[in-house]
Protein backbone atom coordinates (compact mmCIF):
# COMPACT_ATOMS: atom_id res chain seq x y z
CA MET A 1 0.00 0.05 0.05
CA LYS A 2 1.40 3.39 -1.01
CA SER A 3 1.77 6.16 1.61
CA LEU A 4 -0.43 9.02 1.52
CA ASN A 5 0.65 11.85 -0.93
CA PRO A 6 2.48 14.56 1.09
CA ARG A 7 0.26 17.21 -0.42
CA GLU A 8 -2.94 15.30 0.60
CA ALA A 9 -1.56 14.76 4.07
CA PHE A 10 -0.80 18.45 4.36
CA LEU A 11 -4.28 19.47 3.24
CA LEU A 12 -5.92 17.02 5.58
CA VAL A 13 -4.03 18.45 8.56
CA VAL A 14 -4.78 22.00 7.67
CA PHE A 15 -8.52 20.90 7.13
CA CYS A 16 -8.66 19.45 10.58
CA MET A 17 -6.92 22.42 12.21
CA ILE A 18 -9.45 24.85 10.68
CA THR A 19 -12.37 22.50 11.37
CA PHE A 20 -11.71 22.24 15.10
CA PHE A 21 -9.62 25.26 16.09
CA ALA A 22 -10.70 28.23 13.95
CA ASN A 23 -12.82 30.76 15.91
CA ARG A 24 -13.49 28.20 18.59
CA ALA A 25 -14.71 30.86 21.12
CA ALA A 26 -17.30 32.25 18.60
CA LEU A 27 -20.26 30.25 19.83
CA PRO A 28 -21.83 30.72 23.26
CA THR A 29 -21.31 28.13 25.93
CA ASP A 30 -23.91 25.53 26.62
CA ILE A 31 -24.98 23.71 29.84
CA MET A 32 -22.62 20.80 29.43
CA GLU A 33 -19.58 23.04 29.11
CA SER A 34 -20.70 25.22 32.07
CA ARG A 35 -20.83 22.14 34.27
CA ASN A 36 -17.43 20.88 33.18
CA ILE A 37 -15.71 24.16 33.53
CA ILE A 38 -17.32 24.98 36.91
CA THR A 39 -16.05 21.78 38.17
CA ALA A 40 -12.63 22.47 36.79
CA ARG A 41 -12.53 25.82 38.51
CA GLU A 42 -13.43 24.32 41.83
CA MET A 43 -10.75 21.70 41.35
CA VAL A 44 -8.28 24.51 41.10
CA SER A 45 -9.64 26.81 43.74
CA ASP A 46 -10.46 24.16 46.42
CA GLY A 47 -7.88 21.59 45.52
CA ASN A 48 -10.49 18.79 45.33
CA TRP A 49 -8.99 16.88 42.33
CA LEU A 50 -9.96 13.44 43.39
CA VAL A 51 -13.45 14.29 44.59
CA PRO A 52 -14.85 16.90 42.14
CA THR A 53 -17.53 19.20 43.23
CA MET A 54 -19.90 21.50 41.21
CA ASN A 55 -21.22 24.69 42.94
CA GLY A 56 -19.99 23.26 46.21
CA GLU A 57 -21.81 19.83 45.89
CA LEU A 58 -20.14 16.52 45.07
CA ARG A 59 -19.98 15.85 41.35
CA LEU A 60 -19.32 12.17 41.03
CA GLU A 61 -21.78 11.36 38.27
CA LYS A 62 -19.30 11.97 35.51
CA PRO A 63 -15.74 10.35 35.34
CA PRO A 64 -13.11 12.88 35.98
CA LEU A 65 -10.58 12.64 33.04
CA PRO A 66 -12.01 15.49 30.85
CA THR A 67 -12.48 17.56 33.91
CA TRP A 68 -8.84 16.94 35.05
CA VAL A 69 -7.80 18.19 31.63
CA ALA A 70 -10.12 21.26 32.07
CA GLY A 71 -8.64 21.81 35.53
CA GLY A 72 -4.98 21.74 34.23
CA ILE A 73 -6.06 24.26 31.51
CA GLU A 74 -7.68 26.45 34.07
CA LYS A 75 -4.60 26.52 36.15
CA VAL A 76 -2.33 27.53 33.25
CA PHE A 77 -4.89 29.60 31.29
CA PRO A 78 -7.42 30.88 33.80
CA ASP A 79 -10.94 31.66 32.51
CA SER A 80 -10.08 31.01 28.87
CA LEU A 81 -12.95 29.33 27.02
CA SER A 82 -10.81 29.20 23.84
CA ALA A 83 -8.16 27.12 25.68
CA GLN A 84 -10.84 24.73 27.22
CA ARG A 85 -12.27 24.23 23.74
CA ALA A 86 -8.86 23.68 22.16
CA ALA A 87 -8.53 20.45 24.30
CA ALA A 88 -11.73 19.18 22.75
CA GLY A 89 -10.26 20.06 19.30
CA VAL A 90 -7.15 17.89 20.05
CA MET A 91 -9.48 14.99 20.99
CA ALA A 92 -11.45 15.45 17.76
CA CYS A 93 -8.20 15.35 15.76
CA LEU A 94 -7.18 12.21 17.62
CA TRP A 95 -10.51 10.67 16.66
CA VAL A 96 -10.05 11.66 13.05
CA MET A 97 -6.52 10.37 12.87
CA TYR A 98 -7.38 6.92 14.27
CA LEU A 99 -10.43 6.61 12.09
CA PHE A 100 -8.27 7.33 9.08
CA LEU A 101 -5.66 4.76 10.23
CA LEU A 102 -8.37 2.08 10.85
CA VAL A 103 -10.01 2.59 7.38
CA ARG A 104 -6.70 2.56 5.70
CA HIS A 105 -5.49 -0.58 7.53
CA VAL A 106 -8.75 -2.53 6.82
CA SER A 107 -9.15 -1.33 3.21
CA ARG A 108 -5.51 -0.85 2.18
CA ARG A 109 -6.71 2.11 0.28
CA ASN A 110 -5.76 5.84 0.74
CA ASP A 111 -8.79 7.22 -1.15
CA LEU A 112 -11.38 5.58 1.07
CA ALA A 113 -9.56 6.70 4.22
CA VAL A 114 -9.40 10.29 2.92
CA ALA A 115 -13.10 10.23 1.88
CA THR A 116 -14.08 8.89 5.20
CA VAL A 117 -12.33 11.56 7.21
CA VAL A 118 -13.60 14.37 4.96
CA VAL A 119 -17.14 13.12 5.43
CA PHE A 120 -16.62 12.63 9.22
CA ALA A 121 -15.23 16.07 9.82
CA THR A 122 -18.01 17.74 7.82
CA CYS A 123 -20.77 16.23 9.91
CA TYR A 124 -22.25 19.20 11.91
CA ASN A 125 -22.38 17.29 15.32
CA MET A 126 -18.87 16.21 15.00
CA ILE A 127 -17.77 19.84 14.37
CA LEU A 128 -19.90 21.06 17.29
CA MET A 129 -18.54 18.33 19.72
CA GLY A 130 -14.91 19.02 18.56
CA ARG A 131 -15.54 22.69 19.60
CA SER A 132 -17.18 22.16 22.95
CA ALA A 133 -15.49 21.54 26.34
CA THR A 134 -17.53 18.48 27.12
CA TRP A 135 -17.00 14.87 27.91
CA ASP A 136 -18.39 12.90 24.78
CA ILE A 137 -15.54 13.64 22.36
CA TYR A 138 -12.93 12.27 24.85
CA CYS A 139 -14.40 8.83 25.37
CA HIS A 140 -15.08 8.17 21.71
CA ALA A 141 -11.75 9.52 20.52
CA PHE A 142 -9.96 7.21 23.05
CA MET A 143 -12.11 4.26 21.98
CA MET A 144 -11.30 4.73 18.34
CA GLY A 145 -7.60 4.54 19.26
CA ALA A 146 -8.39 1.36 21.19
CA ILE A 147 -10.29 -0.13 18.25
CA TYR A 148 -7.41 0.63 15.85
CA HIS A 149 -4.62 -0.93 18.08
CA LEU A 150 -6.99 -3.92 18.88
CA ASN A 151 -7.43 -4.54 15.12
CA LEU A 152 -3.69 -4.35 14.70
CA GLY A 153 -3.19 -6.72 17.56
CA LEU A 154 -5.61 -9.29 16.22
CA TYR A 155 -4.63 -9.20 12.60
CA GLU A 156 -0.96 -8.37 12.57
CA GLU A 157 1.78 -10.69 13.73
CA ARG A 158 4.31 -7.99 14.54
CA HIS A 159 4.14 -5.71 17.63
CA TYR A 160 0.88 -7.37 18.96
CA TRP A 161 2.05 -6.86 22.45
CA ARG A 162 2.50 -3.11 22.00
CA ASN A 163 -0.86 -2.81 20.20
CA PHE A 164 -2.79 -4.81 22.75
CA LEU A 165 -1.40 -2.77 25.65
CA LEU A 166 -2.02 0.51 23.74
CA SER A 167 -5.60 -0.74 23.13
CA GLY A 168 -6.10 -1.51 26.83
CA LEU A 169 -4.67 1.96 27.73
CA PHE A 170 -7.14 3.77 25.42
CA MET A 171 -10.10 1.58 26.62
CA GLY A 172 -9.11 2.65 30.22
CA LEU A 173 -8.92 6.30 29.34
CA SER A 174 -12.26 6.01 27.56
CA PHE A 175 -13.80 4.58 30.72
CA LEU A 176 -12.31 7.39 32.80
CA SER A 177 -13.90 9.84 30.36
CA LYS A 178 -17.45 8.78 30.41
CA GLY A 179 -17.73 5.26 31.90
CA PRO A 180 -19.10 2.39 29.67
CA VAL A 181 -20.75 4.73 27.03
CA SER A 182 -18.24 4.23 24.31
CA PHE A 183 -17.78 0.61 25.14
CA TYR A 184 -21.54 0.06 24.42
CA ALA A 185 -21.98 2.57 21.48
CA LEU A 186 -18.64 2.02 19.54
CA LEU A 187 -16.66 -0.84 20.70
CA LEU A 188 -19.39 -3.47 21.06
CA PRO A 189 -20.90 -2.79 17.64
CA TYR A 190 -17.32 -3.03 16.20
CA LEU A 191 -16.88 -6.45 17.92
CA ILE A 192 -20.06 -7.64 16.30
CA THR A 193 -18.82 -6.42 13.04
CA LEU A 194 -15.55 -8.50 13.47
CA THR A 195 -17.69 -11.61 12.94
CA LEU A 196 -17.78 -10.79 9.21
CA LEU A 197 -13.92 -10.85 8.97
CA PRO A 198 -11.87 -13.91 8.79
CA ARG A 199 -11.03 -15.32 12.14
CA PRO A 200 -7.66 -13.93 13.44
CA SER A 201 -4.93 -16.31 14.40
CA MET A 202 -4.62 -15.98 18.26
CA LYS A 203 -1.61 -18.38 18.42
CA GLY A 204 0.74 -16.84 21.12
CA LYS A 205 -1.48 -13.82 21.57
CA TRP A 206 -3.77 -14.93 24.44
CA CYS A 207 -1.37 -13.68 27.11
CA ALA A 208 -1.13 -10.31 25.43
CA LEU A 209 -4.93 -10.07 25.21
CA ALA A 210 -5.34 -10.85 28.94
CA MET A 211 -2.77 -8.24 29.71
CA MET A 212 -4.80 -5.67 27.61
CA ILE A 213 -7.95 -6.43 29.75
CA ALA A 214 -6.02 -6.21 32.95
CA PHE A 215 -4.45 -2.84 31.78
CA MET A 216 -7.81 -1.60 30.83
CA LEU A 217 -9.19 -2.44 34.25
CA VAL A 218 -6.49 -0.86 36.21
CA VAL A 219 -6.41 2.40 34.21
CA GLY A 220 -10.31 2.67 33.89
CA SER A 221 -11.23 1.57 37.48
CA TRP A 222 -8.72 2.97 39.99
CA TRP A 223 -10.66 6.26 40.41
CA TYR A 224 -13.93 4.29 41.08
CA VAL A 225 -12.14 2.10 43.60
CA TYR A 226 -10.78 5.10 45.44
CA LEU A 227 -14.31 6.55 45.71
CA LEU A 228 -15.76 3.30 46.92
CA THR A 229 -13.18 3.30 49.70
CA ALA A 230 -13.35 7.06 50.55
CA HIS A 231 -17.03 7.91 49.86
CA PRO A 232 -19.12 4.68 49.69
CA ALA A 233 -22.41 6.26 50.62
CA GLU A 234 -22.16 9.05 48.06
CA VAL A 235 -21.19 6.58 45.38
CA GLU A 236 -24.08 4.34 46.15
CA ARG A 237 -26.45 7.40 45.86
CA VAL A 238 -24.95 8.33 42.55
CA ILE A 239 -25.23 4.74 41.08
CA HIS A 240 -28.86 4.75 42.27
CA ASN A 241 -29.61 8.12 40.62
CA GLU A 242 -27.75 7.39 37.50
CA SER A 243 -29.34 3.98 37.03
CA GLY A 244 -32.75 5.69 37.53
CA ASN A 245 -32.00 8.27 34.98
CA TRP A 246 -31.29 5.78 32.32
CA SER A 247 -34.60 4.25 32.80
CA ASN A 248 -36.81 7.30 33.60
CA HIS A 249 -35.02 10.30 32.22
CA ASN A 250 -35.62 11.40 28.54
CA VAL A 251 -37.32 8.07 27.89
CA ARG A 252 -38.22 7.66 24.14
CA PRO A 253 -39.70 4.81 22.18
CA TRP A 254 -37.38 2.46 20.39
CA TRP A 255 -37.99 4.01 16.94
CA TYR A 256 -36.87 7.56 18.16
CA TYR A 257 -33.62 7.36 16.16
CA TRP A 258 -35.34 6.56 12.87
CA ARG A 259 -34.09 9.89 11.50
CA PHE A 260 -30.48 9.14 12.39
CA PHE A 261 -29.22 9.71 8.91
CA LEU A 262 -30.00 13.39 9.24
CA GLU A 263 -27.11 13.58 11.81
CA MET A 264 -24.94 13.27 8.74
CA GLY A 265 -25.96 16.69 7.55
CA VAL A 266 -24.85 17.37 4.13
CA TRP A 267 -24.33 13.60 3.53
CA ALA A 268 -27.73 12.55 4.71
CA VAL A 269 -28.95 11.53 1.21
CA LEU A 270 -26.01 9.33 0.63
CA MET A 271 -26.31 7.84 4.13
CA LEU A 272 -29.96 7.05 3.51
CA ALA A 273 -29.02 5.42 0.21
CA THR A 274 -26.41 3.18 1.94
CA LEU A 275 -29.31 1.50 3.60
CA ALA A 276 -30.27 -0.23 0.28
CA LEU A 277 -28.32 -3.31 1.44
CA PRO A 278 -29.48 -5.80 -1.22
CA TYR A 279 -28.73 -3.39 -4.04
CA TRP A 280 -25.20 -2.45 -2.94
CA LYS A 281 -24.25 -6.06 -2.11
CA ARG A 282 -24.58 -6.71 -5.91
CA HIS A 283 -23.21 -3.42 -7.37
CA ILE A 284 -20.80 -1.62 -5.11
CA GLU A 285 -17.09 -1.88 -5.79
CA LEU A 286 -15.83 -2.01 -2.09
CA LYS A 287 -18.19 -4.75 -1.04
CA ARG A 288 -16.27 -6.00 1.93
CA GLU A 289 -15.65 -2.45 3.40
CA TYR A 290 -19.20 -1.43 2.76
CA LEU A 291 -20.69 -4.57 4.53
CA LEU A 292 -18.27 -3.93 7.46
CA SER A 293 -19.22 -0.34 7.81
CA ILE A 294 -23.00 -0.70 7.41
CA THR A 295 -23.00 -3.62 9.85
CA TRP A 296 -21.14 -1.54 12.43
CA ALA A 297 -23.47 1.42 11.84
CA LEU A 298 -26.60 -0.66 12.17
CA ALA A 299 -25.32 -2.62 15.23
CA SER A 300 -24.49 0.80 16.97
CA LEU A 301 -28.02 2.14 15.97
CA ILE A 302 -29.83 -0.89 17.25
CA LEU A 303 -28.02 -0.98 20.51
CA LEU A 304 -28.56 2.78 21.05
CA SER A 305 -32.22 2.31 20.37
CA LEU A 306 -32.47 -0.44 22.98
CA MET A 307 -31.58 2.10 25.69
CA PRO A 308 -34.62 3.81 27.31
CA GLU A 309 -32.85 7.23 27.57
CA LYS A 310 -32.38 8.80 24.18
CA LYS A 311 -30.92 12.11 23.01
CA THR A 312 -29.80 12.94 19.41
CA ARG A 313 -26.16 13.79 20.73
CA TYR A 314 -25.93 10.15 21.85
CA LEU A 315 -25.71 9.30 18.15
CA LEU A 316 -22.15 10.89 17.99
CA PRO A 317 -20.30 7.57 17.86
CA LEU A 318 -22.57 6.45 15.06
CA LEU A 319 -21.07 9.04 12.75
CA ALA A 320 -17.83 7.08 12.42
CA PRO A 321 -19.15 3.91 10.83
CA CYS A 322 -21.66 6.04 8.80
CA SER A 323 -18.99 8.10 7.33
CA ILE A 324 -17.11 4.99 6.16
CA ALA A 325 -20.35 3.71 4.49
CA VAL A 326 -20.75 7.07 2.74
CA ALA A 327 -17.13 7.04 1.81
CA CYS A 328 -17.62 3.58 0.19
CA LEU A 329 -20.21 5.08 -2.03
CA ILE A 330 -18.00 8.08 -3.01
CA VAL A 331 -15.25 5.70 -3.97
CA HIS A 332 -17.59 3.64 -5.90
CA PHE A 333 -18.62 6.72 -7.86
CA LYS A 334 -14.99 7.06 -9.05
CA GLN A 335 -15.87 4.44 -11.75
CA GLY A 336 -17.43 7.30 -13.69
CA LYS A 337 -19.30 6.22 -16.79
CA ALA A 338 -18.67 2.58 -15.87
CA MET A 339 -21.08 2.90 -12.99
CA ASP A 340 -24.59 1.28 -13.13
CA ARG A 341 -27.52 3.60 -13.89
CA PHE A 342 -28.86 3.95 -10.37
CA SER A 343 -25.42 4.88 -9.06
CA ARG A 344 -25.04 7.64 -11.67
CA TRP A 345 -28.56 8.88 -10.93
CA LEU A 346 -27.85 8.91 -7.20
CA TYR A 347 -24.52 10.74 -7.56
CA THR A 348 -26.16 13.35 -9.90
CA VAL A 349 -29.15 13.99 -7.65
CA ASN A 350 -27.07 14.29 -4.60
CA GLY A 351 -24.61 16.68 -6.27
CA PHE A 352 -27.26 19.02 -7.72
CA LEU A 353 -29.18 18.92 -4.30
CA ILE A 354 -26.11 20.07 -2.32
CA ALA A 355 -25.27 22.62 -5.05
CA LEU A 356 -28.77 24.03 -4.82
CA ILE A 357 -28.46 24.26 -1.02
CA VAL A 358 -25.26 26.15 -1.31
CA LEU A 359 -26.89 28.66 -3.71
CA THR A 360 -29.52 29.31 -1.14
CA LEU A 361 -27.01 30.12 1.55
CA PRO A 362 -26.37 33.74 0.62
CA VAL A 363 -30.17 34.40 0.80
CA ILE A 364 -30.24 32.81 4.32
CA LEU A 365 -27.35 34.93 5.42
CA TYR A 366 -28.86 38.01 4.07
CA PHE A 367 -32.00 37.64 6.27
CA PHE A 368 -30.34 36.18 9.30
CA GLY A 369 -27.07 38.18 9.09
CA VAL A 370 -27.33 41.43 7.21
CA LYS A 371 -30.87 42.15 8.27
CA LYS A 372 -29.88 41.65 12.01
CA GLY A 373 -26.62 43.71 11.62
CA SER A 374 -24.31 40.81 12.38
CA ILE A 375 -22.94 40.73 8.77
CA SER A 376 -22.03 43.67 6.67
CA MET A 377 -23.13 44.08 3.09
CA THR A 378 -19.50 43.83 1.94
CA ALA A 379 -19.18 40.52 3.69
CA GLU A 380 -22.41 39.44 2.31
CA VAL A 381 -21.16 40.16 -1.24
CA ALA A 382 -17.82 38.38 -0.80
CA THR A 383 -19.62 35.40 0.89
CA SER A 384 -22.12 35.17 -2.07
CA VAL A 385 -19.32 35.21 -4.61
CA PHE A 386 -17.63 32.34 -2.82
CA MET A 387 -20.82 30.24 -2.42
CA ILE A 388 -21.59 30.82 -6.11
CA ALA A 389 -18.12 29.54 -7.02
CA VAL A 390 -18.49 26.50 -4.79
CA ALA A 391 -21.83 25.73 -6.17
CA VAL A 392 -20.33 25.94 -9.78
CA TRP A 393 -17.55 23.68 -8.73
CA LEU A 394 -19.96 21.10 -7.20
CA LEU A 395 -22.07 21.18 -10.39
CA LEU A 396 -19.12 20.74 -12.66
CA THR A 397 -17.68 17.89 -10.55
CA THR A 398 -21.14 16.25 -10.53
CA LEU A 399 -21.51 16.52 -14.36
CA LYS A 400 -17.92 15.26 -14.87
CA LEU A 401 -18.41 12.35 -12.33
CA GLN A 402 -15.46 13.40 -10.13
CA PRO A 403 -16.49 12.55 -6.60
CA MET A 404 -13.17 13.14 -4.98
CA LYS A 405 -13.05 16.73 -6.31
CA PHE A 406 -16.80 17.09 -5.25
CA ILE A 407 -15.94 16.32 -1.62
CA SER A 408 -12.97 18.72 -1.68
CA GLY A 409 -15.51 21.36 -2.69
CA VAL A 410 -17.77 20.50 0.27
CA ALA A 411 -14.60 20.54 2.61
CA ALA A 412 -13.85 24.04 1.17
CA LEU A 413 -17.37 25.24 1.98
CA PHE A 414 -17.10 24.16 5.59
CA VAL A 415 -13.61 25.68 5.88
CA PHE A 416 -14.94 29.06 4.78
CA ALA A 417 -17.85 28.89 7.11
CA GLU A 418 -15.53 28.05 9.98
CA LEU A 419 -13.11 30.88 9.14
CA PHE A 420 -15.40 33.60 8.30
CA LEU A 421 -18.95 32.96 9.33
CA LEU A 422 -18.83 31.40 12.82
CA GLY A 423 -18.53 34.76 14.56
CA PRO A 424 -21.47 36.40 12.76
CA ILE A 425 -23.57 33.32 13.31
CA GLY A 426 -22.98 33.46 17.01
CA LYS A 427 -23.91 37.12 17.15
CA ALA A 428 -26.98 36.66 14.87
CA PHE A 429 -28.53 34.14 17.23
CA GLY A 430 -27.63 35.82 20.47
CA ASN A 431 -29.63 37.93 22.81
CA PRO A 432 -29.25 41.67 21.85
CA SER A 433 -30.79 42.79 25.18
CA GLY A 434 -28.67 40.40 27.22
CA HIS A 435 -26.98 41.74 30.48
CA SER A 436 -24.82 38.99 31.85
CA ILE A 437 -24.41 38.32 35.55
CA SER A 438 -20.65 38.03 34.86
CA GLU A 439 -20.46 41.85 35.46
CA VAL A 440 -20.66 41.18 39.16
CA ARG A 441 -17.04 40.10 39.05
CA THR A 442 -15.97 43.75 38.41
CA ILE A 443 -18.10 45.36 41.06
CA PRO A 444 -15.88 46.51 43.99
CA GLN A 445 -18.72 46.10 46.53
CA LEU A 446 -18.88 42.35 45.84
CA VAL A 447 -15.28 41.51 46.16
CA GLY A 448 -14.87 38.64 48.54
CA VAL A 449 -18.60 38.59 49.39
CA PRO A 450 -20.26 35.18 49.13
CA PHE A 451 -23.28 34.53 46.88
CA PHE A 452 -26.58 32.73 47.79
CA HIS A 453 -29.80 32.06 46.15
CA SER A 454 -33.05 31.23 47.85
CA GLN A 455 -33.44 27.50 48.29
CA ASP A 456 -37.07 27.90 47.24
CA GLU A 457 -35.96 29.04 43.69
CA PRO A 458 -34.27 26.88 41.01
CA LEU A 459 -30.81 28.05 39.95
CA ARG A 460 -29.49 27.56 36.42
CA ILE A 461 -25.88 26.30 36.63
CA GLU A 462 -24.99 28.59 33.77
CA LEU A 463 -25.33 31.50 36.21
CA VAL A 464 -22.65 29.90 38.31
CA TYR A 465 -20.49 29.65 35.26
CA GLU A 466 -21.03 33.28 34.31
CA ALA A 467 -20.65 34.63 37.87
CA HIS A 468 -17.34 32.77 38.23
CA ARG A 469 -18.19 31.91 41.89
CA LYS A 470 -20.36 29.52 43.83
CA ILE A 471 -23.92 30.45 44.37
CA LEU A 472 -25.12 28.26 47.28
CA PRO A 473 -28.65 27.73 48.52
CA LEU A 474 -29.88 29.49 51.60
CA ASN A 475 -33.19 29.29 53.68
CA THR A 476 -34.19 32.96 53.25
CA LYS A 477 -37.18 32.49 55.48
CA ASP A 478 -34.97 31.69 58.40
CA PRO A 479 -33.78 35.02 60.06
CA ARG A 480 -30.87 33.13 61.89
CA ALA A 481 -29.55 31.61 58.70
CA VAL A 482 -29.74 34.94 56.92
CA LYS A 483 -27.93 36.77 59.81
CA ALA A 484 -25.25 34.11 60.01
CA ALA A 485 -24.46 34.56 56.30
CA LEU A 486 -24.19 38.36 56.42
CA PRO A 487 -22.89 40.07 54.38
CA PHE A 488 -23.71 38.29 51.21
CA ALA A 489 -25.22 38.84 47.69
CA LEU A 490 -28.65 37.41 47.04
CA VAL A 491 -29.47 36.09 43.51
CA SER A 492 -33.13 35.84 43.13
CA GLN A 493 -35.76 35.94 40.37
CA GLN A 494 -37.64 38.65 42.34
CA TRP A 495 -36.25 41.57 44.14
CA ALA A 496 -35.00 40.80 47.67
CA GLY A 497 -38.00 42.72 49.12
CA LYS A 498 -40.41 40.09 47.73
CA VAL A 499 -38.17 37.07 48.53
CA LEU A 500 -37.25 37.92 52.16
CA PRO A 501 -39.91 37.93 54.88
CA GLN A 502 -40.46 41.31 56.81
CA SER A 503 -38.94 40.04 59.80
CA VAL A 504 -35.61 39.53 57.93
CA LEU A 505 -35.91 42.81 56.03
CA ASN A 506 -36.16 44.70 59.44
CA GLU A 507 -32.75 43.31 60.38
CA VAL A 508 -30.69 43.96 57.23
CA ASP A 509 -29.76 46.80 54.83
CA THR A 510 -30.44 45.90 51.09
CA VAL A 511 -28.47 47.37 48.27
CA ALA A 512 -29.74 46.67 44.80
CA ILE A 513 -26.89 45.76 42.53
CA GLY A 514 -28.67 45.07 39.25
CA THR A 515 -30.86 42.96 37.07
CA TYR A 516 -29.12 40.54 34.81
CA ASP A 517 -30.59 38.60 31.69
CA ASP A 518 -28.34 35.68 30.85
CA ASN A 519 -30.64 34.28 28.02
CA LYS A 520 -28.64 33.18 24.95
CA HIS A 521 -31.85 33.77 22.94
CA PRO A 522 -33.86 36.96 22.31
CA LYS A 523 -37.21 37.62 24.02
CA THR A 524 -39.15 36.63 20.85
CA ASP A 525 -37.53 33.11 20.89
CA ARG A 526 -39.41 30.22 22.32
CA HIS A 527 -36.36 29.26 24.22
CA TYR A 528 -36.36 32.43 26.23
CA THR A 529 -36.96 31.79 29.90
CA SER A 530 -37.37 33.87 32.97
CA LEU A 531 -34.94 31.41 34.86
CA PHE A 532 -32.05 33.34 33.35
CA VAL A 533 -33.39 36.72 34.48
CA ASN A 534 -32.18 37.37 38.02
CA HIS A 535 -31.75 40.23 40.50
CA VAL A 536 -28.59 40.64 42.58
CA THR A 537 -29.00 42.39 46.03
CA LEU A 538 -26.18 43.02 48.58
CA LEU A 539 -27.41 42.23 52.06
CA LYS A 540 -25.62 43.78 55.04
CA ALA A 541 -26.28 44.07 58.74
CA LYS A 542 -28.47 47.13 59.46
CA THR A 543 -26.66 50.04 60.95
CA VAL A 544 -28.42 52.29 63.51
CA LYS A 545 -27.16 55.88 64.09
CA ASP A 546 -27.91 57.28 67.53
CA ASN A 547 -26.21 60.61 68.98
CA ASN A 548 -23.53 60.37 66.34
CA ILE A 549 -22.49 56.91 67.51
CA THR A 550 -22.89 54.14 65.06
CA LYS A 551 -23.92 50.80 66.49
CA LYS A 552 -24.14 47.57 64.52
């Protein structure tokens, strides 16, 4: 097998760097990022690296590896969202690299491996997770490395000890990142897929395989063993809550994922076409690779559908085998005029459809960008010229039956969007009347003052992230509890005069600091909620002046 062309290798590296690192701080944080970064901050400020907390409460539900990474970044680059997201970008690149190596090893073809990673890195959910400081990207990236080295260990006679141990290491790191999630959603479907391959020769390898499993258990379980020893009651509570969530939280019917192919974004039509298993078994050029990838994808889909709790982001690991399946069609299209009639029709329809979508993008940008003031007219014109050029390129490569050049046009489109449009997109969908509680960090009156919220009111964890400090619950109906906490800042959805009983108000001085709106959506959006609108009031012990003598 020939090595990858240096020019192609360079372009792939540049493509990945732009995909996962350009303008990575442009989009607002989400709730998962807020939780992870809050925990990382408290690791650094409180020194609780082994027993994480979030807003002062134990946070044992999620394995700590991604949060340790976030904590290390917080220590070196304090309060840097860009640096936090860069770690996710590194993990996304690791996933892309190992997917490329796996496909290349199984197929012995560079074109299939290149097509796979281009498809994979242009799936919108992959782009989003590779730019978010969350847990998901870690466990699946490590598991793809584990699968690659496991595959080498099984089917190569050289260096199998090294590959089995590396596979065990990556499996352990995956478990430390999000427990058994990737074992179930990515590894188990792959092991099912291996039944389609020739049985590997295990002569002399059983000891190495056993060491892989032992290494995996040591790396992946030591933190859990520590917790069971140091905090058995808390661990039992977490296990009970998490098992309950899997069966009672976000419960969906088994067919909930029937639209899974839409997660492929621009490749949704081709992904849907790959499901015509009887047809492709007779006509596709890469029959073996296609059967492996579609079996892997369907096994993963079925296993995920069996779980009661379902969310669309849980389909992230499914993107890897689906990308291989789509890439098999793209390589099949390289036959040009030698293709069967249906394949030519499919390639043409898909190409024209994507080109048409690209042509509509300037219109969409005008209404959601120029009209809202987030994109200038000059930028709109430049973007329109580029989009038209890409659409023409896609049409020409469709008519000339040049699929590899076609996917390079799609990659160029995504690169342009990531370089020049992410910032305006983030502004276009923001809240123009927003007034973040993060401003309390610069108010001199609040320096060193603890923050509390009424235990009768829910608190969005995003407020803790924005305020950059703990906001602990307090029984505001109890005068003794309030007095003991003075002075403090109260975060409440109503002004303090309506939250505190009169008996408490008689004993304290209240100073209105401000009203803050941390909604990421405008008031006209259905996602706008009053939970993000909060008042901050400084409460101090009442002072009484009598005969020029001040008594507290």
